[in-house]
Amino acid sequence: SNFSQPSKNSLVTNNAFFQHDGAPCHKAKVITKWLGEQNIDILGPWPGNSPDLNPIENLWSILKRWVDKQKPTNSDKLQALIMQEWAAISQDVAQKLIDSMPRQIAEVLKKKGQHCKY
């Protein structure tokens, strides 16, 4: 699928944002410097332990479900299945996850950060 293999130039646009959960590797000086040089804004502060607010986590869940259904028996088969199933995720699926974010964020805000259906 095209969205999973963007060209280097398409990774950084005039209005790119980087969202992370505060993991040390995301806050490393080299990363922070590179993001600044690329004029990439950092969304935050982002609440820790909030995978429900990150569309990629939903993609990982879909990928895991699709791979698990096929019950790979060794690491080579697992790797091949991951690559195959990742490529099978359509742009439409990714876009639907992205489009659902405003609704999810509104729900989290309404619940003042407490547990909600997402």
PDB file of N, CA and C in Angstrom:
ATOM      1  N   SER A   1       0.835  -1.186   0.000  1.00  0.00           N
ATOM      2  CA  SER A   1       0.000   0.000   0.000  1.00  0.00           C
ATOM      3  C   SER A   1       0.876   1.243   0.000  1.00  0.00           C
ATOM      4  N   ASN A   2       0.423   2.273  -0.623  1.00  0.00           N
ATOM      5  CA  ASN A   2       1.228   3.475  -0.801  1.00  0.00           C
ATOM      6  C   ASN A   2       1.512   4.198   0.497  1.00  0.00           C
ATOM      7  N   PHE A   3       0.564   4.227   1.419  1.00  0.00           N
ATOM      8  CA  PHE A   3       0.778   5.014   2.630  1.00  0.00           C
ATOM      9  C   PHE A   3       1.875   4.431   3.502  1.00  0.00           C
ATOM     10  N   SER A   4       2.174   3.151   3.359  1.00  0.00           N
ATOM     11  CA  SER A   4       3.179   2.537   4.221  1.00  0.00           C
ATOM     12  C   SER A   4       4.594   2.688   3.685  1.00  0.00           C
ATOM     13  N   GLN A   5       4.741   3.224   2.470  1.00  0.00           N
ATOM     14  CA  GLN A   5       6.064   3.378   1.899  1.00  0.00           C
ATOM     15  C   GLN A   5       6.223   4.760   1.276  1.00  0.00           C
ATOM     16  N   PRO A   6       6.092   5.806   2.072  1.00  0.00           N
ATOM     17  CA  PRO A   6       6.192   7.153   1.507  1.00  0.00           C
ATOM     18  C   PRO A   6       7.616   7.470   1.097  1.00  0.00           C
ATOM     19  N   SER A   7       7.745   8.351   0.133  1.00  0.00           N
ATOM     20  CA  SER A   7       9.082   8.807  -0.228  1.00  0.00           C
ATOM     21  C   SER A   7       9.598   9.716   0.875  1.00  0.00           C
ATOM     22  N   LYS A   8      10.892   9.913   0.906  1.00  0.00           N
ATOM     23  CA  LYS A   8      11.489  10.768   1.932  1.00  0.00           C
ATOM     24  C   LYS A   8      10.861  12.153   1.901  1.00  0.00           C
ATOM     25  N   ASN A   9      10.640  12.694   0.709  1.00  0.00           N
ATOM     26  CA  ASN A   9      10.090  14.041   0.591  1.00  0.00           C
ATOM     27  C   ASN A   9       8.663  14.138   1.107  1.00  0.00           C
ATOM     28  N   SER A  10       7.898  13.066   0.999  1.00  0.00           N
ATOM     29  CA  SER A  10       6.508  13.142   1.450  1.00  0.00           C
ATOM     30  C   SER A  10       6.378  12.976   2.959  1.00  0.00           C
ATOM     31  N   LEU A  11       7.458  12.579   3.625  1.00  0.00           N
ATOM     32  CA  LEU A  11       7.389  12.424   5.074  1.00  0.00           C
ATOM     33  C   LEU A  11       7.282  13.761   5.785  1.00  0.00           C
ATOM     34  N   VAL A  12       7.904  14.774   5.233  1.00  0.00           N
ATOM     35  CA  VAL A  12       7.931  16.079   5.877  1.00  0.00           C
ATOM     36  C   VAL A  12       7.239  17.077   4.969  1.00  0.00           C
ATOM     37  N   THR A  13       6.150  17.628   5.460  1.00  0.00           N
ATOM     38  CA  THR A  13       5.419  18.635   4.700  1.00  0.00           C
ATOM     39  C   THR A  13       5.465  19.945   5.472  1.00  0.00           C
ATOM     40  N   ASN A  14       4.879  20.967   4.907  1.00  0.00           N
ATOM     41  CA  ASN A  14       4.883  22.271   5.571  1.00  0.00           C
ATOM     42  C   ASN A  14       4.110  22.268   6.879  1.00  0.00           C
ATOM     43  N   ASN A  15       3.212  21.340   7.052  1.00  0.00           N
ATOM     44  CA  ASN A  15       2.412  21.314   8.274  1.00  0.00           C
ATOM     45  C   ASN A  15       2.496  19.952   8.960  1.00  0.00           C
ATOM     46  N   ALA A  16       3.724  19.422   9.057  1.00  0.00           N
ATOM     47  CA  ALA A  16       3.920  18.127   9.698  1.00  0.00           C
ATOM     48  C   ALA A  16       3.977  18.289  11.215  1.00  0.00           C
ATOM     49  N   PHE A  17       3.468  17.287  11.892  1.00  0.00           N
ATOM     50  CA  PHE A  17       3.517  17.225  13.349  1.00  0.00           C
ATOM     51  C   PHE A  17       4.093  15.879  13.748  1.00  0.00           C
ATOM     52  N   PHE A  18       4.766  15.848  14.882  1.00  0.00           N
ATOM     53  CA  PHE A  18       5.268  14.601  15.439  1.00  0.00           C
ATOM     54  C   PHE A  18       4.576  14.399  16.772  1.00  0.00           C
ATOM     55  N   GLN A  19       3.937  13.266  16.908  1.00  0.00           N
ATOM     56  CA  GLN A  19       3.239  12.959  18.151  1.00  0.00           C
ATOM     57  C   GLN A  19       3.955  11.800  18.818  1.00  0.00           C
ATOM     58  N   HIS A  20       4.311  11.970  20.058  1.00  0.00           N
ATOM     59  CA  HIS A  20       4.940  10.880  20.790  1.00  0.00           C
ATOM     60  C   HIS A  20       4.445  10.881  22.229  1.00  0.00           C
ATOM     61  N   ASP A  21       4.762   9.785  22.902  1.00  0.00           N
ATOM     62  CA  ASP A  21       4.244   9.590  24.258  1.00  0.00           C
ATOM     63  C   ASP A  21       5.265   9.910  25.339  1.00  0.00           C
ATOM     64  N   GLY A  22       6.321  10.609  24.975  1.00  0.00           N
ATOM     65  CA  GLY A  22       7.319  10.975  25.966  1.00  0.00           C
ATOM     66  C   GLY A  22       8.392   9.929  26.187  1.00  0.00           C
ATOM     67  N   ALA A  23       8.407   8.884  25.366  1.00  0.00           N
ATOM     68  CA  ALA A  23       9.453   7.868  25.500  1.00  0.00           C
ATOM     69  C   ALA A  23      10.819   8.534  25.341  1.00  0.00           C
ATOM     70  N   PRO A  24      11.801   8.112  26.128  1.00  0.00           N
ATOM     71  CA  PRO A  24      13.115   8.753  26.065  1.00  0.00           C
ATOM     72  C   PRO A  24      13.710   8.819  24.656  1.00  0.00           C
ATOM     73  N   CYS A  25      13.507   7.777  23.848  1.00  0.00           N
ATOM     74  CA  CYS A  25      14.073   7.799  22.493  1.00  0.00           C
ATOM     75  C   CYS A  25      13.446   8.894  21.643  1.00  0.00           C
ATOM     76  N   HIS A  26      12.214   9.269  21.924  1.00  0.00           N
ATOM     77  CA  HIS A  26      11.548  10.342  21.172  1.00  0.00           C
ATOM     78  C   HIS A  26      12.020  11.720  21.610  1.00  0.00           C
ATOM     79  N   LYS A  27      12.526  11.812  22.826  1.00  0.00           N
ATOM     80  CA  LYS A  27      12.955  13.106  23.364  1.00  0.00           C
ATOM     81  C   LYS A  27      14.467  13.292  23.305  1.00  0.00           C
ATOM     82  N   ALA A  28      15.166  12.360  22.674  1.00  0.00           N
ATOM     83  CA  ALA A  28      16.622  12.452  22.579  1.00  0.00           C
ATOM     84  C   ALA A  28      17.021  13.751  21.882  1.00  0.00           C
ATOM     85  N   LYS A  29      18.152  14.299  22.291  1.00  0.00           N
ATOM     86  CA  LYS A  29      18.604  15.578  21.724  1.00  0.00           C
ATOM     87  C   LYS A  29      18.725  15.517  20.209  1.00  0.00           C
ATOM     88  N   VAL A  30      19.252  14.414  19.682  1.00  0.00           N
ATOM     89  CA  VAL A  30      19.427  14.304  18.233  1.00  0.00           C
ATOM     90  C   VAL A  30      18.074  14.334  17.510  1.00  0.00           C
ATOM     91  N   ILE A  31      17.059  13.712  18.096  1.00  0.00           N
ATOM     92  CA  ILE A  31      15.722  13.701  17.494  1.00  0.00           C
ATOM     93  C   ILE A  31      15.095  15.083  17.589  1.00  0.00           C
ATOM     94  N   THR A  32      15.167  15.681  18.761  1.00  0.00           N
ATOM     95  CA  THR A  32      14.604  17.021  18.959  1.00  0.00           C
ATOM     96  C   THR A  32      15.254  18.024  18.010  1.00  0.00           C
ATOM     97  N   LYS A  33      16.568  17.922  17.861  1.00  0.00           N
ATOM     98  CA  LYS A  33      17.290  18.821  16.952  1.00  0.00           C
ATOM     99  C   LYS A  33      16.827  18.612  15.510  1.00  0.00           C
ATOM    100  N   TRP A  34      16.747  17.348  15.071  1.00  0.00           N
ATOM    101  CA  TRP A  34      16.337  17.055  13.696  1.00  0.00           C
ATOM    102  C   TRP A  34      14.918  17.560  13.438  1.00  0.00           C
ATOM    103  N   LEU A  35      14.012  17.326  14.359  1.00  0.00           N
ATOM    104  CA  LEU A  35      12.636  17.799  14.193  1.00  0.00           C
ATOM    105  C   LEU A  35      12.607  19.314  14.050  1.00  0.00           C
ATOM    106  N   GLY A  36      13.404  20.006  14.856  1.00  0.00           N
ATOM    107  CA  GLY A  36      13.479  21.459  14.762  1.00  0.00           C
ATOM    108  C   GLY A  36      14.021  21.917  13.424  1.00  0.00           C
ATOM    109  N   GLU A  37      15.064  21.243  12.946  1.00  0.00           N
ATOM    110  CA  GLU A  37      15.648  21.595  11.646  1.00  0.00           C
ATOM    111  C   GLU A  37      14.667  21.377  10.500  1.00  0.00           C
ATOM    112  N   GLN A  38      13.768  20.426  10.661  1.00  0.00           N
ATOM    113  CA  GLN A  38      12.782  20.120   9.628  1.00  0.00           C
ATOM    114  C   GLN A  38      11.500  20.941   9.792  1.00  0.00           C
ATOM    115  N   ASN A  39      11.484  21.816  10.798  1.00  0.00           N
ATOM    116  CA  ASN A  39      10.295  22.625  11.111  1.00  0.00           C
ATOM    117  C   ASN A  39       9.073  21.762  11.397  1.00  0.00           C
ATOM    118  N   ILE A  40       9.295  20.684  12.121  1.00  0.00           N
ATOM    119  CA  ILE A  40       8.202  19.790  12.498  1.00  0.00           C
ATOM    120  C   ILE A  40       7.786  20.130  13.921  1.00  0.00           C
ATOM    121  N   ASP A  41       6.535  20.478  14.084  1.00  0.00           N
ATOM    122  CA  ASP A  41       6.010  20.777  15.411  1.00  0.00           C
ATOM    123  C   ASP A  41       5.765  19.483  16.176  1.00  0.00           C
ATOM    124  N   ILE A  42       5.961  19.547  17.479  1.00  0.00           N
ATOM    125  CA  ILE A  42       5.706  18.396  18.341  1.00  0.00           C
ATOM    126  C   ILE A  42       4.381  18.619  19.046  1.00  0.00           C
ATOM    127  N   LEU A  43       3.480  17.663  18.901  1.00  0.00           N
ATOM    128  CA  LEU A  43       2.207  17.729  19.614  1.00  0.00           C
ATOM    129  C   LEU A  43       2.463  17.373  21.066  1.00  0.00           C
ATOM    130  N   GLY A  44       1.945  18.159  21.930  1.00  0.00           N
ATOM    131  CA  GLY A  44       2.159  17.807  23.310  1.00  0.00           C
ATOM    132  C   GLY A  44       1.919  18.974  24.234  1.00  0.00           C
ATOM    133  N   PRO A  45       2.054  18.737  25.512  1.00  0.00           N
ATOM    134  CA  PRO A  45       2.448  17.432  26.024  1.00  0.00           C
ATOM    135  C   PRO A  45       1.345  16.403  25.798  1.00  0.00           C
ATOM    136  N   TRP A  46       1.767  15.202  25.425  1.00  0.00           N
ATOM    137  CA  TRP A  46       0.821  14.132  25.138  1.00  0.00           C
ATOM    138  C   TRP A  46       0.697  13.259  26.369  1.00  0.00           C
ATOM    139  N   PRO A  47      -0.517  12.886  26.741  1.00  0.00           N
ATOM    140  CA  PRO A  47      -0.675  12.059  27.940  1.00  0.00           C
ATOM    141  C   PRO A  47      -0.010  10.696  27.773  1.00  0.00           C
ATOM    142  N   GLY A  48       0.704  10.271  28.802  1.00  0.00           N
ATOM    143  CA  GLY A  48       1.307   8.950  28.775  1.00  0.00           C
ATOM    144  C   GLY A  48       0.233   7.877  28.783  1.00  0.00           C
ATOM    145  N   ASN A  49       0.593   6.722  28.296  1.00  0.00           N
ATOM    146  CA  ASN A  49      -0.319   5.581  28.289  1.00  0.00           C
ATOM    147  C   ASN A  49      -1.656   5.930  27.652  1.00  0.00           C
ATOM    148  N   SER A  50      -1.604   6.518  26.466  1.00  0.00           N
ATOM    149  CA  SER A  50      -2.839   6.903  25.771  1.00  0.00           C
ATOM    150  C   SER A  50      -2.845   6.397  24.331  1.00  0.00           C
ATOM    151  N   PRO A  51      -2.659   5.086  24.138  1.00  0.00           N
ATOM    152  CA  PRO A  51      -2.633   4.565  22.776  1.00  0.00           C
ATOM    153  C   PRO A  51      -3.949   4.767  22.036  1.00  0.00           C
ATOM    154  N   ASP A  52      -5.025   4.970  22.786  1.00  0.00           N
ATOM    155  CA  ASP A  52      -6.328   5.195  22.164  1.00  0.00           C
ATOM    156  C   ASP A  52      -6.374   6.504  21.387  1.00  0.00           C
ATOM    157  N   LEU A  53      -5.412   7.380  21.608  1.00  0.00           N
ATOM    158  CA  LEU A  53      -5.388   8.664  20.910  1.00  0.00           C
ATOM    159  C   LEU A  53      -4.364   8.675  19.778  1.00  0.00           C
ATOM    160  N   ASN A  54      -3.920   7.522  19.364  1.00  0.00           N
ATOM    161  CA  ASN A  54      -2.901   7.423  18.338  1.00  0.00           C
ATOM    162  C   ASN A  54      -3.351   6.432  17.267  1.00  0.00           C
ATOM    163  N   PRO A  55      -3.660   6.906  16.065  1.00  0.00           N
ATOM    164  CA  PRO A  55      -4.170   6.006  15.022  1.00  0.00           C
ATOM    165  C   PRO A  55      -3.245   4.841  14.692  1.00  0.00           C
ATOM    166  N   ILE A  56      -1.936   5.020  14.825  1.00  0.00           N
ATOM    167  CA  ILE A  56      -1.026   3.925  14.481  1.00  0.00           C
ATOM    168  C   ILE A  56      -1.241   2.730  15.400  1.00  0.00           C
ATOM    169  N   GLU A  57      -1.646   2.976  16.642  1.00  0.00           N
ATOM    170  CA  GLU A  57      -1.897   1.859  17.556  1.00  0.00           C
ATOM    171  C   GLU A  57      -3.050   0.997  17.047  1.00  0.00           C
ATOM    172  N   ASN A  58      -4.045   1.636  16.453  1.00  0.00           N
ATOM    173  CA  ASN A  58      -5.149   0.872  15.870  1.00  0.00           C
ATOM    174  C   ASN A  58      -4.680   0.082  14.653  1.00  0.00           C
ATOM    175  N   LEU A  59      -3.772   0.656  13.869  1.00  0.00           N
ATOM    176  CA  LEU A  59      -3.211  -0.087  12.738  1.00  0.00           C
ATOM    177  C   LEU A  59      -2.419  -1.294  13.222  1.00  0.00           C
ATOM    178  N   TRP A  60      -1.642  -1.116  14.304  1.00  0.00           N
ATOM    179  CA  TRP A  60      -0.889  -2.256  14.846  1.00  0.00           C
ATOM    180  C   TRP A  60      -1.854  -3.363  15.277  1.00  0.00           C
ATOM    181  N   SER A  61      -2.964  -2.975  15.876  1.00  0.00           N
ATOM    182  CA  SER A  61      -3.954  -3.955  16.321  1.00  0.00           C
ATOM    183  C   SER A  61      -4.538  -4.729  15.136  1.00  0.00           C
ATOM    184  N   ILE A  62      -4.867  -4.012  14.073  1.00  0.00           N
ATOM    185  CA  ILE A  62      -5.380  -4.665  12.859  1.00  0.00           C
ATOM    186  C   ILE A  62      -4.333  -5.629  12.309  1.00  0.00           C
ATOM    187  N   LEU A  63      -3.105  -5.153  12.198  1.00  0.00           N
ATOM    188  CA  LEU A  63      -2.019  -5.985  11.676  1.00  0.00           C
ATOM    189  C   LEU A  63      -1.843  -7.240  12.527  1.00  0.00           C
ATOM    190  N   LYS A  64      -1.821  -7.072  13.831  1.00  0.00           N
ATOM    191  CA  LYS A  64      -1.647  -8.214  14.734  1.00  0.00           C
ATOM    192  C   LYS A  64      -2.772  -9.232  14.557  1.00  0.00           C
ATOM    193  N   ARG A  65      -3.990  -8.742  14.462  1.00  0.00           N
ATOM    194  CA  ARG A  65      -5.142  -9.632  14.285  1.00  0.00           C
ATOM    195  C   ARG A  65      -5.016 -10.430  12.986  1.00  0.00           C
ATOM    196  N   TRP A  66      -4.670  -9.751  11.897  1.00  0.00           N
ATOM    197  CA  TRP A  66      -4.545 -10.418  10.600  1.00  0.00           C
ATOM    198  C   TRP A  66      -3.418 -11.447  10.598  1.00  0.00           C
ATOM    199  N   VAL A  67      -2.297 -11.113  11.228  1.00  0.00           N
ATOM    200  CA  VAL A  67      -1.163 -12.041  11.282  1.00  0.00           C
ATOM    201  C   VAL A  67      -1.497 -13.224  12.189  1.00  0.00           C
ATOM    202  N   ASP A  68      -2.082 -12.960  13.347  1.00  0.00           N
ATOM    203  CA  ASP A  68      -2.422 -14.030  14.291  1.00  0.00           C
ATOM    204  C   ASP A  68      -3.374 -15.054  13.687  1.00  0.00           C
ATOM    205  N   LYS A  69      -4.290 -14.608  12.831  1.00  0.00           N
ATOM    206  CA  LYS A  69      -5.246 -15.528  12.199  1.00  0.00           C
ATOM    207  C   LYS A  69      -4.537 -16.623  11.412  1.00  0.00           C
ATOM    208  N   GLN A  70      -3.362 -16.296  10.890  1.00  0.00           N
ATOM    209  CA  GLN A  70      -2.648 -17.242  10.027  1.00  0.00           C
ATOM    210  C   GLN A  70      -1.675 -18.130  10.795  1.00  0.00           C
ATOM    211  N   LYS A  71      -1.546 -17.890  12.082  1.00  0.00           N
ATOM    212  CA  LYS A  71      -0.756 -18.731  12.982  1.00  0.00           C
ATOM    213  C   LYS A  71       0.638 -19.077  12.423  1.00  0.00           C
ATOM    214  N   PRO A  72       1.496 -18.079  12.281  1.00  0.00           N
ATOM    215  CA  PRO A  72       2.845 -18.374  11.783  1.00  0.00           C
ATOM    216  C   PRO A  72       3.579 -19.315  12.739  1.00  0.00           C
ATOM    217  N   THR A  73       4.361 -20.223  12.171  1.00  0.00           N
ATOM    218  CA  THR A  73       5.008 -21.257  12.984  1.00  0.00           C
ATOM    219  C   THR A  73       6.483 -21.000  13.260  1.00  0.00           C
ATOM    220  N   ASN A  74       7.061 -19.998  12.625  1.00  0.00           N
ATOM    221  CA  ASN A  74       8.454 -19.661  12.915  1.00  0.00           C
ATOM    222  C   ASN A  74       8.687 -18.182  12.603  1.00  0.00           C
ATOM    223  N   SER A  75       9.855 -17.692  12.963  1.00  0.00           N
ATOM    224  CA  SER A  75      10.110 -16.252  12.826  1.00  0.00           C
ATOM    225  C   SER A  75      10.165 -15.803  11.368  1.00  0.00           C
ATOM    226  N   ASP A  76      10.636 -16.664  10.464  1.00  0.00           N
ATOM    227  CA  ASP A  76      10.655 -16.286   9.047  1.00  0.00           C
ATOM    228  C   ASP A  76       9.240 -16.107   8.507  1.00  0.00           C
ATOM    229  N   LYS A  77       8.353 -17.042   8.857  1.00  0.00           N
ATOM    230  CA  LYS A  77       6.960 -16.932   8.417  1.00  0.00           C
ATOM    231  C   LYS A  77       6.289 -15.721   9.056  1.00  0.00           C
ATOM    232  N   LEU A  78       6.604 -15.480  10.319  1.00  0.00           N
ATOM    233  CA  LEU A  78       6.044 -14.315  11.006  1.00  0.00           C
ATOM    234  C   LEU A  78       6.460 -13.030  10.297  1.00  0.00           C
ATOM    235  N   GLN A  79       7.739 -12.905  10.000  1.00  0.00           N
ATOM    236  CA  GLN A  79       8.225 -11.700   9.330  1.00  0.00           C
ATOM    237  C   GLN A  79       7.573 -11.533   7.960  1.00  0.00           C
ATOM    238  N   ALA A  80       7.473 -12.612   7.201  1.00  0.00           N
ATOM    239  CA  ALA A  80       6.853 -12.544   5.875  1.00  0.00           C
ATOM    240  C   ALA A  80       5.386 -12.137   5.978  1.00  0.00           C
ATOM    241  N   LEU A  81       4.681 -12.704   6.956  1.00  0.00           N
ATOM    242  CA  LEU A  81       3.270 -12.357   7.142  1.00  0.00           C
ATOM    243  C   LEU A  81       3.096 -10.905   7.554  1.00  0.00           C
ATOM    244  N   ILE A  82       3.965 -10.422   8.420  1.00  0.00           N
ATOM    245  CA  ILE A  82       3.877  -9.017   8.838  1.00  0.00           C
ATOM    246  C   ILE A  82       4.026  -8.111   7.626  1.00  0.00           C
ATOM    247  N   MET A  83       5.016  -8.384   6.800  1.00  0.00           N
ATOM    248  CA  MET A  83       5.238  -7.561   5.604  1.00  0.00           C
ATOM    249  C   MET A  83       4.048  -7.661   4.644  1.00  0.00           C
ATOM    250  N   GLN A  84       3.551  -8.868   4.454  1.00  0.00           N
ATOM    251  CA  GLN A  84       2.427  -9.091   3.539  1.00  0.00           C
ATOM    252  C   GLN A  84       1.167  -8.384   4.026  1.00  0.00           C
ATOM    253  N   GLU A  85       0.855  -8.545   5.287  1.00  0.00           N
ATOM    254  CA  GLU A  85      -0.376  -7.967   5.816  1.00  0.00           C
ATOM    255  C   GLU A  85      -0.275  -6.453   5.968  1.00  0.00           C
ATOM    256  N   TRP A  86       0.913  -5.932   6.285  1.00  0.00           N
ATOM    257  CA  TRP A  86       1.086  -4.481   6.349  1.00  0.00           C
ATOM    258  C   TRP A  86       0.804  -3.873   4.980  1.00  0.00           C
ATOM    259  N   ALA A  87       1.334  -4.504   3.927  1.00  0.00           N
ATOM    260  CA  ALA A  87       1.121  -4.006   2.565  1.00  0.00           C
ATOM    261  C   ALA A  87      -0.348  -4.089   2.161  1.00  0.00           C
ATOM    262  N   ALA A  88      -1.100  -4.978   2.806  1.00  0.00           N
ATOM    263  CA  ALA A  88      -2.513  -5.158   2.461  1.00  0.00           C
ATOM    264  C   ALA A  88      -3.433  -4.140   3.129  1.00  0.00           C
ATOM    265  N   ILE A  89      -2.929  -3.397   4.095  1.00  0.00           N
ATOM    266  CA  ILE A  89      -3.758  -2.383   4.753  1.00  0.00           C
ATOM    267  C   ILE A  89      -3.968  -1.238   3.773  1.00  0.00           C
ATOM    268  N   SER A  90      -5.201  -0.957   3.477  1.00  0.00           N
ATOM    269  CA  SER A  90      -5.509   0.053   2.459  1.00  0.00           C
ATOM    270  C   SER A  90      -5.423   1.472   3.014  1.00  0.00           C
ATOM    271  N   GLN A  91      -5.248   2.399   2.108  1.00  0.00           N
ATOM    272  CA  GLN A  91      -5.269   3.816   2.470  1.00  0.00           C
ATOM    273  C   GLN A  91      -6.614   4.164   3.096  1.00  0.00           C
ATOM    274  N   ASP A  92      -7.679   3.535   2.620  1.00  0.00           N
ATOM    275  CA  ASP A  92      -9.020   3.800   3.149  1.00  0.00           C
ATOM    276  C   ASP A  92      -9.117   3.432   4.630  1.00  0.00           C
ATOM    277  N   VAL A  93      -8.550   2.288   4.997  1.00  0.00           N
ATOM    278  CA  VAL A  93      -8.558   1.872   6.405  1.00  0.00           C
ATOM    279  C   VAL A  93      -7.802   2.892   7.249  1.00  0.00           C
ATOM    280  N   ALA A  94      -6.621   3.277   6.785  1.00  0.00           N
ATOM    281  CA  ALA A  94      -5.824   4.257   7.529  1.00  0.00           C
ATOM    282  C   ALA A  94      -6.565   5.584   7.647  1.00  0.00           C
ATOM    283  N   GLN A  95      -7.188   6.019   6.570  1.00  0.00           N
ATOM    284  CA  GLN A  95      -7.890   7.301   6.588  1.00  0.00           C
ATOM    285  C   GLN A  95      -9.077   7.269   7.541  1.00  0.00           C
ATOM    286  N   LYS A  96      -9.786   6.158   7.590  1.00  0.00           N
ATOM    287  CA  LYS A  96     -10.911   6.038   8.527  1.00  0.00           C
ATOM    288  C   LYS A  96     -10.437   6.150   9.976  1.00  0.00           C
ATOM    289  N   LEU A  97      -9.295   5.553  10.273  1.00  0.00           N
ATOM    290  CA  LEU A  97      -8.748   5.662  11.629  1.00  0.00           C
ATOM    291  C   LEU A  97      -8.379   7.107  11.947  1.00  0.00           C
ATOM    292  N   ILE A  98      -7.759   7.766  10.996  1.00  0.00           N
ATOM    293  CA  ILE A  98      -7.387   9.170  11.189  1.00  0.00           C
ATOM    294  C   ILE A  98      -8.633  10.027  11.354  1.00  0.00           C
ATOM    295  N   ASP A  99      -9.626   9.794  10.514  1.00  0.00           N
ATOM    296  CA  ASP A  99     -10.861  10.582  10.570  1.00  0.00           C
ATOM    297  C   ASP A  99     -11.627  10.379  11.872  1.00  0.00           C
ATOM    298  N   SER A 100     -11.406   9.256  12.542  1.00  0.00           N
ATOM    299  CA  SER A 100     -12.114   8.990  13.802  1.00  0.00           C
ATOM    300  C   SER A 100     -11.504   9.746  14.980  1.00  0.00           C
ATOM    301  N   MET A 101     -10.323  10.301  14.807  1.00  0.00           N
ATOM    302  CA  MET A 101      -9.620  10.924  15.927  1.00  0.00           C
ATOM    303  C   MET A 101     -10.353  12.110  16.556  1.00  0.00           C
ATOM    304  N   PRO A 102     -10.911  13.040  15.801  1.00  0.00           N
ATOM    305  CA  PRO A 102     -11.618  14.148  16.469  1.00  0.00           C
ATOM    306  C   PRO A 102     -12.731  13.663  17.400  1.00  0.00           C
ATOM    307  N   ARG A 103     -13.440  12.635  16.977  1.00  0.00           N
ATOM    308  CA  ARG A 103     -14.516  12.069  17.797  1.00  0.00           C
ATOM    309  C   ARG A 103     -13.934  11.443  19.072  1.00  0.00           C
ATOM    310  N   GLN A 104     -12.831  10.729  18.919  1.00  0.00           N
ATOM    311  CA  GLN A 104     -12.206  10.095  20.078  1.00  0.00           C
ATOM    312  C   GLN A 104     -11.648  11.132  21.048  1.00  0.00           C
ATOM    313  N   ILE A 105     -11.010  12.148  20.521  1.00  0.00           N
ATOM    314  CA  ILE A 105     -10.457  13.200  21.375  1.00  0.00           C
ATOM    315  C   ILE A 105     -11.566  13.921  22.124  1.00  0.00           C
ATOM    316  N   ALA A 106     -12.669  14.201  21.431  1.00  0.00           N
ATOM    317  CA  ALA A 106     -13.806  14.858  22.085  1.00  0.00           C
ATOM    318  C   ALA A 106     -14.332  14.004  23.237  1.00  0.00           C
ATOM    319  N   GLU A 107     -14.386  12.700  23.040  1.00  0.00           N
ATOM    320  CA  GLU A 107     -14.863  11.793  24.088  1.00  0.00           C
ATOM    321  C   GLU A 107     -13.916  11.798  25.289  1.00  0.00           C
ATOM    322  N   VAL A 108     -12.619  11.759  25.024  1.00  0.00           N
ATOM    323  CA  VAL A 108     -11.629  11.785  26.109  1.00  0.00           C
ATOM    324  C   VAL A 108     -11.731  13.094  26.886  1.00  0.00           C
ATOM    325  N   LEU A 109     -11.879  14.207  26.176  1.00  0.00           N
ATOM    326  CA  LEU A 109     -12.019  15.506  26.845  1.00  0.00           C
ATOM    327  C   LEU A 109     -13.301  15.565  27.669  1.00  0.00           C
ATOM    328  N   LYS A 110     -14.380  15.036  27.111  1.00  0.00           N
ATOM    329  CA  LYS A 110     -15.661  15.016  27.822  1.00  0.00           C
ATOM    330  C   LYS A 110     -15.539  14.221  29.124  1.00  0.00           C
ATOM    331  N   LYS A 111     -14.791  13.131  29.069  1.00  0.00           N
ATOM    332  CA  LYS A 111     -14.603  12.278  30.252  1.00  0.00           C
ATOM    333  C   LYS A 111     -13.447  12.766  31.129  1.00  0.00           C
ATOM    334  N   LYS A 112     -12.869  13.909  30.770  1.00  0.00           N
ATOM    335  CA  LYS A 112     -11.755  14.506  31.525  1.00  0.00           C
ATOM    336  C   LYS A 112     -10.601  13.521  31.719  1.00  0.00           C
ATOM    337  N   GLY A 113     -10.320  12.782  30.644  1.00  0.00           N
ATOM    338  CA  GLY A 113      -9.193  11.857  30.662  1.00  0.00           C
ATOM    339  C   GLY A 113      -9.482  10.505  31.272  1.00  0.00           C
ATOM    340  N   GLN A 114     -10.667  10.332  31.810  1.00  0.00           N
ATOM    341  CA  GLN A 114     -11.011   9.040  32.404  1.00  0.00           C
ATOM    342  C   GLN A 114     -11.304   8.026  31.300  1.00  0.00           C
ATOM    343  N   HIS A 115     -11.411   6.766  31.681  1.00  0.00           N
ATOM    344  CA  HIS A 115     -11.653   5.686  30.729  1.00  0.00           C
ATOM    345  C   HIS A 115     -12.914   5.966  29.912  1.00  0.00           C
ATOM    346  N   CYS A 116     -12.825   5.706  28.624  1.00  0.00           N
ATOM    347  CA  CYS A 116     -13.995   5.837  27.753  1.00  0.00           C
ATOM    348  C   CYS A 116     -14.002   4.671  26.769  1.00  0.00           C
ATOM    349  N   LYS A 117     -14.984   4.645  25.895  1.00  0.00           N
ATOM    350  CA  LYS A 117     -15.164   3.483  25.024  1.00  0.00           C
ATOM    351  C   LYS A 117     -14.017   3.270  24.049  1.00  0.00           C
ATOM    352  N   TYR A 118     -13.200   4.275  23.834  1.00  0.00           N
ATOM    353  CA  TYR A 118     -12.080   4.115  22.910  1.00  0.00           C
ATOM    354  C   TYR A 118     -10.899   3.548  23.654  1.00  0.00           C
TER     355      TYR A 118
END
